[in-house]
């Protein structure tokens, strides 16, 4: 057994060499110790380390997304994530109904028109108008179903019958109330009551009348895609480049830059859909896209003006990230009428 030399008797050079030997031996010793460990435990440690890094990256990405989403929400008033998820779900339902069973699209259309009618009636009631919910909801299937299942004359007869029912109901209820309401207010109530089914149910029924045509499901799908493309293009371009307000007194967040994005998206969608979906010349798709762009924009601005007059932001909160059902149908309803008219004009070009 050899005694260790006293530190004072060891030269500095000897101490440096000993330290160098320790640094050289240590990694090998550590490797030996690591090699002697359980491989499963070693793999578990690496897995936990990888999980920690993944959690850190996901947490950072989530924080960045939430911050971006919050900025978008403050600027546009919409929750981007909820809007995307809701839009994808609704789009999948509509697409499946059009491609597989037409009657399921009819059911969806009647349900959507019924909810939109209920929203509009409630909004007008908060604005001081007296409108009766029951006849308005009865009128929805009364107008929509004949548009798909019957001849044109029955469709229009059902429309006039529904409006007559709504107007007479309102007058009888007003007569029974005896509340001293002025003639001007009564006339405004009757006029608003009669316009509700024309705005919602009649325009929605034209989409079903289009669906009833030969290969009508493709035309319905085409105008829906074009209207959605215009709305998406307006949203993206307005968010990225929006500087100049389009109609500040009606809708302050709509910009000319957004309208330009909507125009590009609608024209591109129209040309592609005409060529590959409808079997029409590509230039007819430009006409289709331009008309749908115009009606979608007018419909959107029209509903915005109505909400501004009523002092509300959304018709309801039934669709997360979108507001109400009518808030999603505002650009589609008027576009349905335009698409129905365009079918009569452009469909004969399919053989060219």
Protein backbone atom coordinates (compact mmCIF):
# COMPACT_ATOMS: atom_id res chain seq x y z
CA UNK A 1 0.00 0.00 0.00
CA UNK A 2 1.54 3.27 -1.12
CA UNK A 3 0.99 6.53 0.71
CA UNK A 4 -0.21 9.53 -1.34
CA UNK A 5 2.35 12.27 -1.53
CA UNK A 6 1.66 15.46 0.35
CA UNK A 7 0.18 18.27 -1.82
CA UNK A 8 2.96 20.59 -0.85
CA UNK A 9 5.62 18.19 -2.15
CA UNK A 10 3.97 17.82 -5.58
CA UNK A 11 5.23 20.15 -8.24
CA UNK A 12 2.80 22.24 -10.31
CA UNK A 13 3.80 20.32 -13.45
CA UNK A 14 2.88 17.03 -11.76
CA UNK A 15 -0.52 18.43 -10.71
CA UNK A 16 -1.24 19.60 -14.31
CA UNK A 17 -0.38 16.17 -15.71
CA UNK A 18 -2.62 14.47 -13.12
CA UNK A 19 -5.51 16.78 -14.00
CA UNK A 20 -5.00 16.08 -17.70
CA UNK A 21 -5.09 12.32 -17.01
CA UNK A 22 -8.33 12.80 -15.03
CA UNK A 23 -9.95 14.68 -17.95
CA UNK A 24 -8.87 11.96 -20.34
CA UNK A 25 -10.12 9.10 -18.20
CA UNK A 26 -13.43 10.72 -17.11
CA UNK A 27 -15.28 10.47 -20.43
CA UNK A 28 -14.36 6.85 -20.83
CA UNK A 29 -15.42 6.13 -17.30
CA UNK A 30 -18.73 7.93 -17.89
CA UNK A 31 -19.25 5.94 -21.07
CA UNK A 32 -18.57 2.77 -19.24
CA UNK A 33 -21.09 3.67 -16.58
CA UNK A 34 -23.67 4.62 -19.22
CA UNK A 35 -23.00 1.38 -21.06
CA UNK A 36 -23.61 -0.52 -17.88
CA UNK A 37 -27.11 0.97 -17.39
CA UNK A 38 -30.39 -0.68 -18.37
CA UNK A 39 -31.00 0.11 -22.09
CA UNK A 40 -34.75 0.44 -21.41
CA UNK A 41 -34.12 3.08 -18.76
CA UNK A 42 -31.77 4.91 -21.11
CA UNK A 43 -34.41 4.90 -23.89
CA UNK A 44 -37.04 6.08 -21.42
CA UNK A 45 -34.90 9.06 -20.46
CA UNK A 46 -34.43 9.98 -24.12
CA UNK A 47 -38.18 9.66 -24.70
CA UNK A 48 -38.99 11.91 -21.76
CA UNK A 49 -36.45 14.43 -23.02
CA UNK A 50 -38.02 14.36 -26.49
CA UNK A 51 -41.47 14.78 -24.97
CA UNK A 52 -40.28 17.78 -23.01
CA UNK A 53 -38.90 19.42 -26.14
CA UNK A 54 -42.11 18.64 -28.05
CA UNK A 55 -44.24 20.13 -25.26
CA UNK A 56 -42.10 23.25 -25.27
CA UNK A 57 -42.39 23.65 -29.06
CA UNK A 58 -46.13 23.00 -29.02
CA UNK A 59 -46.64 25.42 -26.17
CA UNK A 60 -44.70 28.11 -27.99
CA UNK A 61 -46.60 27.47 -31.23
CA UNK A 62 -49.91 27.59 -29.35
CA UNK A 63 -49.01 30.89 -27.72
CA UNK A 64 -48.08 32.36 -31.10
CA UNK A 65 -51.32 31.10 -32.70
CA UNK A 66 -53.45 32.43 -29.84
CA UNK A 67 -51.75 35.81 -30.07
CA UNK A 68 -52.28 35.93 -33.84
CA UNK A 69 -55.87 34.74 -33.48
CA UNK A 70 -56.53 37.41 -30.88
CA UNK A 71 -55.17 40.14 -33.16
CA UNK A 72 -57.37 38.85 -36.00
CA UNK A 73 -60.36 38.70 -33.67
CA UNK A 74 -59.81 42.28 -32.55
CA UNK A 75 -59.57 43.44 -36.15
CA UNK A 76 -62.39 41.41 -37.69
CA UNK A 77 -64.55 40.48 -34.72
CA UNK A 78 -64.30 36.74 -35.57
CA UNK A 79 -62.58 33.81 -33.88
CA UNK A 80 -60.51 32.40 -36.74
CA UNK A 81 -60.13 28.84 -35.39
CA UNK A 82 -63.82 28.44 -34.57
CA UNK A 83 -64.78 29.96 -37.91
CA UNK A 84 -62.59 27.49 -39.82
CA UNK A 85 -63.83 24.45 -37.89
CA UNK A 86 -67.48 25.47 -38.24
CA UNK A 87 -67.04 26.22 -41.94
CA UNK A 88 -65.41 22.84 -42.59
CA UNK A 89 -68.19 20.98 -40.79
CA UNK A 90 -70.96 22.82 -42.64
CA UNK A 91 -69.12 22.43 -45.95
CA UNK A 92 -68.79 18.69 -45.44
CA UNK A 93 -72.52 18.35 -44.70
CA UNK A 94 -73.54 20.36 -47.76
CA UNK A 95 -71.08 18.56 -50.05
CA UNK A 96 -72.21 15.12 -48.88
CA UNK A 97 -75.88 16.02 -49.34
CA UNK A 98 -75.37 17.33 -52.87
CA UNK A 99 -73.22 14.42 -54.03
CA UNK A 100 -75.17 11.52 -52.55
CA UNK A 101 -78.85 12.24 -51.73
CA UNK A 102 -80.48 15.42 -52.99
CA UNK A 103 -83.31 15.21 -50.48
CA UNK A 104 -80.85 15.64 -47.62
CA UNK A 105 -79.83 18.99 -49.12
CA UNK A 106 -83.53 19.93 -49.22
CA UNK A 107 -83.79 19.15 -45.51
CA UNK A 108 -80.67 21.21 -44.78
CA UNK A 109 -82.04 24.11 -46.85
CA UNK A 110 -85.40 24.07 -45.05
CA UNK A 111 -83.67 23.92 -41.65
CA UNK A 112 -81.27 26.76 -42.53
CA UNK A 113 -84.06 28.93 -43.93
CA UNK A 114 -86.18 28.26 -40.84
CA UNK A 115 -83.37 29.29 -38.48
CA UNK A 116 -82.54 32.34 -40.58
CA UNK A 117 -86.23 33.36 -40.59
CA UNK A 118 -86.44 32.98 -36.81
CA UNK A 119 -83.28 35.10 -36.39
CA UNK A 120 -84.61 37.83 -38.67
CA UNK A 121 -88.01 37.92 -36.94
CA UNK A 122 -86.40 38.20 -33.52
CA UNK A 123 -84.05 40.94 -34.73
CA UNK A 124 -86.96 42.94 -36.19
CA UNK A 125 -88.93 42.45 -32.98
CA UNK A 126 -86.07 43.96 -30.95
CA UNK A 127 -86.17 46.88 -33.40
CA UNK A 128 -89.81 47.60 -32.51
CA UNK A 129 -91.62 45.72 -35.29
CA UNK A 130 -94.47 43.36 -34.40
CA UNK A 131 -94.01 40.20 -36.45
CA UNK A 132 -95.55 36.82 -35.68
CA UNK A 133 -93.15 33.88 -35.48
CA UNK A 134 -95.60 31.00 -36.09
CA UNK A 135 -96.85 31.93 -39.60
CA UNK A 136 -93.33 32.89 -40.62
CA UNK A 137 -92.01 29.43 -39.74
CA UNK A 138 -95.01 27.71 -41.36
CA UNK A 139 -94.25 29.61 -44.56
CA UNK A 140 -90.70 28.23 -44.85
CA UNK A 141 -91.51 24.63 -45.91
CA UNK A 142 -94.65 25.88 -47.67
CA UNK A 143 -92.45 27.91 -50.05
CA UNK A 144 -89.31 25.75 -50.27
CA UNK A 145 -90.70 22.26 -50.80
CA UNK A 146 -92.75 22.98 -53.95
CA UNK A 147 -89.67 24.60 -55.52
CA UNK A 148 -87.96 21.22 -55.57
CA UNK A 149 -90.84 18.79 -55.88
CA UNK A 150 -93.42 20.50 -58.09
CA UNK A 151 -94.01 22.69 -61.12
CA UNK A 152 -93.19 26.40 -61.21
CA UNK A 153 -96.83 27.48 -60.92
CA UNK A 154 -97.26 25.68 -57.60
CA UNK A 155 -94.06 27.23 -56.29
CA UNK A 156 -95.26 30.77 -56.98
CA UNK A 157 -98.78 29.96 -55.76
CA UNK A 158 -97.28 28.74 -52.49
CA UNK A 159 -95.30 31.98 -52.18
CA UNK A 160 -98.35 34.20 -52.61
CA UNK A 161 -100.38 31.98 -50.30
CA UNK A 162 -97.70 32.17 -47.58
CA UNK A 163 -97.43 35.95 -47.80
CA UNK A 164 -101.25 36.24 -47.68
CA UNK A 165 -101.34 34.02 -44.59
CA UNK A 166 -98.67 36.09 -42.83
CA UNK A 167 -100.32 39.45 -43.62
CA UNK A 168 -103.83 38.34 -42.60
CA UNK A 169 -102.47 36.77 -39.38
CA UNK A 170 -100.75 40.04 -38.46
CA UNK A 171 -103.87 42.12 -39.11
CA UNK A 172 -106.08 39.78 -37.07
CA UNK A 173 -103.63 39.80 -34.16
CA UNK A 174 -103.45 43.59 -34.32
CA UNK A 175 -107.24 43.90 -34.37
CA UNK A 176 -107.51 41.66 -31.31
CA UNK A 177 -104.81 43.62 -29.45
CA UNK A 178 -106.68 46.98 -29.49
CA UNK A 179 -103.56 48.72 -28.19
CA UNK A 180 -103.98 52.00 -30.04
CA UNK A 181 -101.04 51.37 -32.37
CA UNK A 182 -100.89 53.99 -35.12
CA UNK A 183 -101.74 53.20 -38.73
CA UNK A 184 -98.18 53.97 -39.75
CA UNK A 185 -96.77 51.42 -37.31
CA UNK A 186 -99.33 48.80 -38.33
CA UNK A 187 -98.49 49.31 -42.01
CA UNK A 188 -94.76 49.01 -41.24
CA UNK A 189 -95.42 45.79 -39.31
CA UNK A 190 -97.41 44.31 -42.20
CA UNK A 191 -94.79 45.36 -44.76
CA UNK A 192 -91.92 43.91 -42.74
CA UNK A 193 -93.88 40.71 -42.13
CA UNK A 194 -94.48 40.26 -45.85
CA UNK A 195 -90.87 40.96 -46.79
CA UNK A 196 -89.38 38.34 -44.45
CA UNK A 197 -90.51 35.28 -46.50
CA UNK A 198 -89.57 37.03 -49.74
CA UNK A 199 -86.06 37.76 -48.50
CA UNK A 200 -85.30 34.40 -46.89
CA UNK A 201 -87.67 31.67 -48.08
CA UNK A 202 -88.14 32.77 -51.69
CA UNK A 203 -84.42 33.27 -52.36
CA UNK A 204 -83.58 29.99 -50.61
CA UNK A 205 -86.25 28.20 -52.65
CA UNK A 206 -84.53 29.28 -55.88
CA UNK A 207 -81.51 27.19 -54.85
CA UNK A 208 -83.85 24.18 -54.67
CA UNK A 209 -85.41 25.11 -58.00
CA UNK A 210 -81.89 25.09 -59.45
CA UNK A 211 -81.18 21.75 -57.78
CA UNK A 212 -84.25 20.33 -59.53
CA UNK A 213 -82.74 21.01 -62.97
CA UNK A 214 -80.72 18.35 -64.84
CA UNK A 215 -77.28 18.21 -63.17
CA UNK A 216 -78.54 20.96 -60.90
CA UNK A 217 -76.45 19.71 -57.99
CA UNK A 218 -73.29 20.82 -59.85
CA UNK A 219 -74.73 24.29 -60.43
CA UNK A 220 -75.68 24.63 -56.78
CA UNK A 221 -72.24 23.47 -55.75
CA UNK A 222 -70.62 25.87 -58.23
CA UNK A 223 -72.40 28.97 -57.00
CA UNK A 224 -71.82 28.02 -53.36
CA UNK A 225 -68.09 27.53 -53.97
CA UNK A 226 -67.86 30.81 -55.88
CA UNK A 227 -69.67 32.76 -53.16
CA UNK A 228 -67.49 31.18 -50.45
CA UNK A 229 -64.34 31.85 -52.50
CA UNK A 230 -65.35 35.51 -52.82
CA UNK A 231 -65.98 35.75 -49.08
CA UNK A 232 -62.66 34.05 -48.27
CA UNK A 233 -60.74 36.21 -50.74
CA UNK A 234 -62.26 39.35 -49.26
CA UNK A 235 -61.39 38.22 -45.73
CA UNK A 236 -57.78 37.34 -46.55
CA UNK A 237 -57.04 40.39 -48.71
CA UNK A 238 -58.79 42.76 -46.33
CA UNK A 239 -56.87 41.35 -43.38
CA UNK A 240 -53.52 41.57 -45.15
CA UNK A 241 -53.87 44.76 -47.21
CA UNK A 242 -57.10 46.48 -46.14
CA UNK A 243 -56.62 50.24 -45.88
CA UNK A 244 -59.46 51.98 -47.73
CA UNK A 245 -62.98 51.50 -46.38
CA UNK A 246 -65.51 50.42 -48.96
CA UNK A 247 -68.74 51.47 -47.21
CA UNK A 248 -67.83 52.88 -43.79
CA UNK A 249 -71.39 53.86 -42.87
CA UNK A 250 -72.70 50.37 -43.61
CA UNK A 251 -69.82 48.03 -42.79
CA UNK A 252 -66.65 49.75 -41.53
CA UNK A 253 -64.47 46.62 -41.80
CA UNK A 254 -65.06 46.03 -45.51
CA UNK A 255 -62.34 47.52 -47.71
CA UNK A 256 -61.68 48.01 -51.41
CA UNK A 257 -58.59 45.84 -51.05
CA UNK A 258 -60.82 43.09 -49.69
CA UNK A 259 -63.20 43.53 -52.60
CA UNK A 260 -60.27 43.18 -55.01
CA UNK A 261 -59.30 39.91 -53.31
CA UNK A 262 -62.93 38.75 -53.57
CA UNK A 263 -62.99 39.61 -57.27
CA UNK A 264 -59.83 37.64 -58.03
CA UNK A 265 -61.04 34.63 -56.06
CA UNK A 266 -64.55 34.67 -57.59
CA UNK A 267 -63.32 35.03 -61.17
CA UNK A 268 -60.72 32.30 -60.76
CA UNK A 269 -63.25 29.98 -59.11
CA UNK A 270 -65.84 30.70 -61.79
CA UNK A 271 -63.46 29.97 -64.67
CA UNK A 272 -62.18 26.73 -63.10
CA UNK A 273 -65.64 25.50 -62.15
CA UNK A 274 -67.03 26.24 -65.60
CA UNK A 275 -64.23 24.32 -67.27
CA UNK A 276 -63.97 21.30 -64.96
CA UNK A 277 -67.35 21.02 -63.18
CA UNK A 278 -70.07 22.49 -65.39
CA UNK A 279 -68.64 21.62 -68.80
CA UNK A 280 -68.84 25.23 -70.00
CA UNK A 281 -66.30 27.43 -71.81
CA UNK A 282 -63.88 29.03 -69.38
CA UNK A 283 -64.90 32.55 -70.40
CA UNK A 284 -68.50 31.83 -69.38
CA UNK A 285 -67.08 31.05 -65.95
CA UNK A 286 -65.77 34.61 -65.77
CA UNK A 287 -69.33 35.85 -66.35
CA UNK A 288 -70.60 33.41 -63.73
CA UNK A 289 -67.96 34.53 -61.22
CA UNK A 290 -68.56 38.23 -61.85
CA UNK A 291 -72.33 37.94 -61.35
CA UNK A 292 -71.99 35.85 -58.18
CA UNK A 293 -69.40 38.33 -56.89
CA UNK A 294 -71.84 41.21 -57.40
CA UNK A 295 -74.81 39.49 -55.78
CA UNK A 296 -72.74 38.16 -52.88
CA UNK A 297 -71.34 41.64 -52.18
CA UNK A 298 -74.76 43.32 -52.39
CA UNK A 299 -76.30 40.64 -50.17
CA UNK A 300 -73.54 41.02 -47.60
CA UNK A 301 -73.78 44.80 -47.54
CA UNK A 302 -77.57 44.67 -47.43
CA UNK A 303 -77.62 42.52 -44.32
CA UNK A 304 -74.89 44.67 -42.75
CA UNK A 305 -77.05 47.74 -43.33
CA UNK A 306 -80.05 46.01 -41.75
CA UNK A 307 -78.03 45.00 -38.69
CA UNK A 308 -76.64 48.51 -38.40
CA UNK A 309 -80.15 49.97 -38.45
CA UNK A 310 -81.22 47.50 -35.77
CA UNK A 311 -78.11 48.18 -33.68
CA UNK A 312 -76.87 44.58 -33.55
CA UNK A 313 -73.57 42.97 -34.52
CA UNK A 314 -74.76 39.45 -35.39
CA UNK A 315 -78.19 37.95 -35.95
CA UNK A 316 -77.37 35.31 -33.31
CA UNK A 317 -74.46 33.29 -31.94
CA UNK A 318 -75.60 29.87 -33.12
CA UNK A 319 -72.64 29.30 -35.45
CA UNK A 320 -69.35 29.60 -33.50
CA UNK A 321 -66.98 32.01 -35.21
CA UNK A 322 -69.61 33.12 -37.73
CA UNK A 323 -72.49 34.60 -35.77
CA UNK A 324 -75.94 33.61 -36.93
CA UNK A 325 -77.27 31.46 -39.75
CA UNK A 326 -78.45 34.53 -41.66
CA UNK A 327 -74.96 36.03 -41.28
CA UNK A 328 -73.68 33.10 -43.39
CA UNK A 329 -76.61 33.12 -45.82
CA UNK A 330 -76.57 36.85 -46.56
CA UNK A 331 -74.27 36.50 -49.58
CA UNK A 332 -75.71 33.12 -50.63
CA UNK A 333 -79.43 33.97 -50.79
CA UNK A 334 -79.15 36.61 -53.50
CA UNK A 335 -76.53 34.51 -55.29
CA UNK A 336 -79.02 31.63 -55.48
CA UNK A 337 -81.36 33.80 -57.54
CA UNK A 338 -78.48 34.87 -59.79
CA UNK A 339 -77.30 31.27 -60.27
CA UNK A 340 -80.82 30.16 -61.18
CA UNK A 341 -81.01 32.87 -63.84
CA UNK A 342 -77.48 32.11 -65.10
CA UNK A 343 -78.39 28.46 -65.53
CA UNK A 344 -80.98 29.40 -68.13
CA UNK A 345 -78.49 31.61 -69.97
CA UNK A 346 -75.24 29.61 -69.75
CA UNK A 347 -76.37 25.98 -69.65
CA UNK A 348 -76.99 25.86 -73.45
CA UNK A 349 -73.29 26.68 -73.92
CA UNK A 350 -72.36 23.27 -72.53
CA UNK A 351 -72.34 21.74 -75.99
CA UNK A 352 -69.95 24.30 -77.47
